Amino acid sequence: MQHRIKLRPDEVKDFVSAATKCNFDVDISYNSFIVDAKSIIGVLGLNFNQILTVSYHGYDAGFEKYLQKFSIAC
């Protein structure tokens, strides 16, 4: 699954916490820069002026609902 989101630096701690609760890998990327969404240091290194893509292979209803807060129209 993939979601395109917009994230602010002050939202990183909660985002990483939500991703960490998933029992599958979650990546976040823009262009060719990909980091582990469960790594607060990695996520803080992102350019928050960019639209970010969250990618994962699994399903967690709570994480899906959480991502809706940040989703952008495609």
N, C-alpha and C. Protein backbone atom coordinates (compact mmCIF):
# COMPACT_ATOMS: atom_id res chain seq x y z
N MET A 1 0.84 -1.18 0.00
CA MET A 1 0.00 0.00 0.00
C MET A 1 0.88 1.24 0.00
N GLN A 2 0.36 2.29 -0.55
CA GLN A 2 1.06 3.57 -0.55
C GLN A 2 0.08 4.69 -0.25
N HIS A 3 0.56 5.66 0.52
CA HIS A 3 -0.20 6.87 0.81
C HIS A 3 0.72 8.05 0.60
N ARG A 4 0.20 9.08 -0.03
CA ARG A 4 0.95 10.33 -0.19
C ARG A 4 0.48 11.27 0.92
N ILE A 5 1.45 11.77 1.69
CA ILE A 5 1.11 12.59 2.85
C ILE A 5 1.95 13.86 2.89
N LYS A 6 1.51 14.77 3.70
CA LYS A 6 2.27 15.97 4.03
C LYS A 6 2.46 15.92 5.54
N LEU A 7 3.70 16.05 5.99
CA LEU A 7 4.04 15.89 7.41
C LEU A 7 4.84 17.10 7.86
N ARG A 8 4.59 17.55 9.08
CA ARG A 8 5.35 18.67 9.67
C ARG A 8 6.33 18.10 10.70
N PRO A 9 7.44 18.80 10.94
CA PRO A 9 8.42 18.30 11.92
C PRO A 9 7.83 18.03 13.30
N ASP A 10 6.87 18.82 13.73
CA ASP A 10 6.28 18.62 15.06
C ASP A 10 5.37 17.40 15.13
N GLU A 11 5.08 16.78 13.99
CA GLU A 11 4.23 15.59 13.95
C GLU A 11 5.04 14.29 13.86
N VAL A 12 6.36 14.40 13.76
CA VAL A 12 7.22 13.23 13.53
C VAL A 12 7.15 12.23 14.67
N LYS A 13 7.20 12.69 15.90
CA LYS A 13 7.20 11.77 17.05
C LYS A 13 5.95 10.88 17.03
N ASP A 14 4.78 11.47 16.83
CA ASP A 14 3.54 10.68 16.79
C ASP A 14 3.50 9.76 15.58
N PHE A 15 4.00 10.25 14.43
CA PHE A 15 4.01 9.43 13.21
C PHE A 15 4.88 8.19 13.42
N VAL A 16 6.07 8.38 13.94
CA VAL A 16 6.99 7.25 14.18
C VAL A 16 6.38 6.28 15.20
N SER A 17 5.73 6.81 16.22
CA SER A 17 5.08 5.96 17.21
C SER A 17 3.99 5.11 16.57
N ALA A 18 3.19 5.70 15.69
CA ALA A 18 2.13 4.95 15.00
C ALA A 18 2.73 3.88 14.09
N ALA A 19 3.80 4.22 13.37
CA ALA A 19 4.45 3.25 12.46
C ALA A 19 5.06 2.11 13.25
N THR A 20 5.62 2.40 14.41
CA THR A 20 6.27 1.38 15.24
C THR A 20 5.29 0.32 15.73
N LYS A 21 4.04 0.69 15.87
CA LYS A 21 3.02 -0.26 16.34
C LYS A 21 2.65 -1.29 15.27
N CYS A 22 3.04 -1.06 14.03
CA CYS A 22 2.74 -2.00 12.94
C CYS A 22 3.72 -3.17 12.99
N ASN A 23 3.22 -4.37 12.71
CA ASN A 23 4.09 -5.55 12.73
C ASN A 23 4.64 -5.87 11.35
N PHE A 24 4.78 -4.86 10.51
CA PHE A 24 5.35 -4.98 9.17
C PHE A 24 6.22 -3.75 8.91
N ASP A 25 7.07 -3.84 7.89
CA ASP A 25 7.95 -2.72 7.56
C ASP A 25 7.16 -1.55 6.98
N VAL A 26 7.54 -0.35 7.39
CA VAL A 26 6.93 0.87 6.88
C VAL A 26 8.06 1.79 6.44
N ASP A 27 8.03 2.23 5.20
CA ASP A 27 9.03 3.16 4.67
C ASP A 27 8.35 4.47 4.32
N ILE A 28 9.13 5.54 4.36
CA ILE A 28 8.64 6.85 3.96
C ILE A 28 9.69 7.44 3.02
N SER A 29 9.24 8.06 1.94
CA SER A 29 10.18 8.50 0.91
C SER A 29 9.71 9.73 0.17
N TYR A 30 10.64 10.34 -0.52
CA TYR A 30 10.36 11.32 -1.56
C TYR A 30 11.51 11.23 -2.55
N ASN A 31 11.18 11.40 -3.85
CA ASN A 31 12.14 11.17 -4.93
C ASN A 31 12.79 9.80 -4.73
N SER A 32 14.10 9.73 -4.63
CA SER A 32 14.76 8.43 -4.43
C SER A 32 15.29 8.27 -3.01
N PHE A 33 14.92 9.15 -2.11
CA PHE A 33 15.36 9.11 -0.72
C PHE A 33 14.34 8.32 0.10
N ILE A 34 14.75 7.14 0.63
CA ILE A 34 13.84 6.25 1.37
C ILE A 34 14.41 6.01 2.76
N VAL A 35 13.56 6.14 3.78
CA VAL A 35 13.99 5.85 5.15
C VAL A 35 12.95 4.96 5.84
N ASP A 36 13.39 4.31 6.89
CA ASP A 36 12.52 3.48 7.72
C ASP A 36 11.62 4.42 8.52
N ALA A 37 10.32 4.28 8.37
CA ALA A 37 9.36 5.15 9.06
C ALA A 37 9.33 4.92 10.57
N LYS A 38 10.00 3.86 11.03
CA LYS A 38 10.06 3.59 12.46
C LYS A 38 11.30 4.21 13.10
N SER A 39 12.08 4.95 12.32
CA SER A 39 13.30 5.60 12.79
C SER A 39 13.07 7.11 12.91
N ILE A 40 13.04 7.60 14.13
CA ILE A 40 12.79 9.03 14.32
C ILE A 40 13.91 9.88 13.70
N ILE A 41 15.15 9.41 13.79
CA ILE A 41 16.27 10.13 13.19
C ILE A 41 16.14 10.15 11.66
N GLY A 42 15.76 9.01 11.08
CA GLY A 42 15.58 8.94 9.64
C GLY A 42 14.47 9.87 9.16
N VAL A 43 13.34 9.83 9.84
CA VAL A 43 12.20 10.66 9.44
C VAL A 43 12.52 12.14 9.62
N LEU A 44 13.23 12.50 10.67
CA LEU A 44 13.59 13.90 10.88
C LEU A 44 14.53 14.42 9.80
N GLY A 45 15.22 13.52 9.10
CA GLY A 45 16.12 13.91 8.03
C GLY A 45 15.42 14.20 6.71
N LEU A 46 14.11 14.02 6.66
CA LEU A 46 13.36 14.25 5.43
C LEU A 46 13.13 15.74 5.18
N ASN A 47 12.84 16.06 3.95
CA ASN A 47 12.49 17.42 3.56
C ASN A 47 10.97 17.55 3.69
N PHE A 48 10.52 18.27 4.70
CA PHE A 48 9.09 18.36 4.97
C PHE A 48 8.36 19.32 4.03
N ASN A 49 9.08 19.96 3.13
CA ASN A 49 8.45 20.78 2.10
C ASN A 49 7.97 19.91 0.93
N GLN A 50 8.38 18.66 0.93
CA GLN A 50 8.03 17.72 -0.14
C GLN A 50 6.79 16.91 0.25
N ILE A 51 6.10 16.41 -0.76
CA ILE A 51 5.04 15.43 -0.51
C ILE A 51 5.74 14.09 -0.29
N LEU A 52 5.40 13.42 0.77
CA LEU A 52 6.06 12.17 1.16
C LEU A 52 5.17 10.98 0.80
N THR A 53 5.81 9.87 0.50
CA THR A 53 5.09 8.63 0.19
C THR A 53 5.38 7.60 1.27
N VAL A 54 4.32 7.11 1.90
CA VAL A 54 4.43 6.05 2.91
C VAL A 54 4.10 4.74 2.21
N SER A 55 5.02 3.78 2.27
CA SER A 55 4.85 2.48 1.61
C SER A 55 4.97 1.35 2.63
N TYR A 56 4.10 0.35 2.48
CA TYR A 56 4.15 -0.80 3.38
C TYR A 56 3.36 -1.96 2.78
N HIS A 57 3.65 -3.16 3.26
CA HIS A 57 2.95 -4.38 2.83
C HIS A 57 2.37 -5.04 4.07
N GLY A 58 1.18 -4.69 4.37
CA GLY A 58 0.50 -5.21 5.55
C GLY A 58 -0.73 -4.36 5.79
N TYR A 59 -1.47 -4.68 6.85
CA TYR A 59 -2.67 -3.90 7.15
C TYR A 59 -2.80 -3.75 8.65
N ASP A 60 -3.03 -2.51 9.06
CA ASP A 60 -3.30 -2.19 10.45
C ASP A 60 -4.35 -1.08 10.42
N ALA A 61 -5.55 -1.37 10.91
CA ALA A 61 -6.65 -0.42 10.83
C ALA A 61 -6.32 0.90 11.54
N GLY A 62 -5.67 0.82 12.67
CA GLY A 62 -5.30 2.03 13.41
C GLY A 62 -4.33 2.90 12.63
N PHE A 63 -3.37 2.27 11.97
CA PHE A 63 -2.39 3.02 11.18
C PHE A 63 -3.07 3.65 9.95
N GLU A 64 -3.97 2.91 9.32
CA GLU A 64 -4.71 3.45 8.17
C GLU A 64 -5.49 4.70 8.58
N LYS A 65 -6.18 4.62 9.71
CA LYS A 65 -6.95 5.76 10.20
C LYS A 65 -6.03 6.92 10.54
N TYR A 66 -4.90 6.63 11.16
CA TYR A 66 -3.94 7.67 11.52
C TYR A 66 -3.43 8.39 10.27
N LEU A 67 -3.10 7.66 9.20
CA LEU A 67 -2.57 8.26 7.98
C LEU A 67 -3.58 9.18 7.29
N GLN A 68 -4.86 8.94 7.50
CA GLN A 68 -5.87 9.79 6.87
C GLN A 68 -5.72 11.25 7.28
N LYS A 69 -5.19 11.52 8.46
CA LYS A 69 -4.99 12.90 8.92
C LYS A 69 -4.01 13.66 8.02
N PHE A 70 -3.08 12.93 7.42
CA PHE A 70 -2.01 13.55 6.65
C PHE A 70 -2.16 13.39 5.14
N SER A 71 -3.14 12.61 4.70
CA SER A 71 -3.30 12.31 3.29
C SER A 71 -3.58 13.57 2.47
N ILE A 72 -3.05 13.55 1.26
CA ILE A 72 -3.31 14.64 0.33
C ILE A 72 -4.03 14.06 -0.88
N ALA A 73 -4.77 14.89 -1.57
CA ALA A 73 -5.47 14.45 -2.78
C ALA A 73 -4.46 14.22 -3.89
N CYS A 74 -4.63 13.15 -4.62
CA CYS A 74 -3.73 12.83 -5.72
C CYS A 74 -4.26 13.38 -7.03
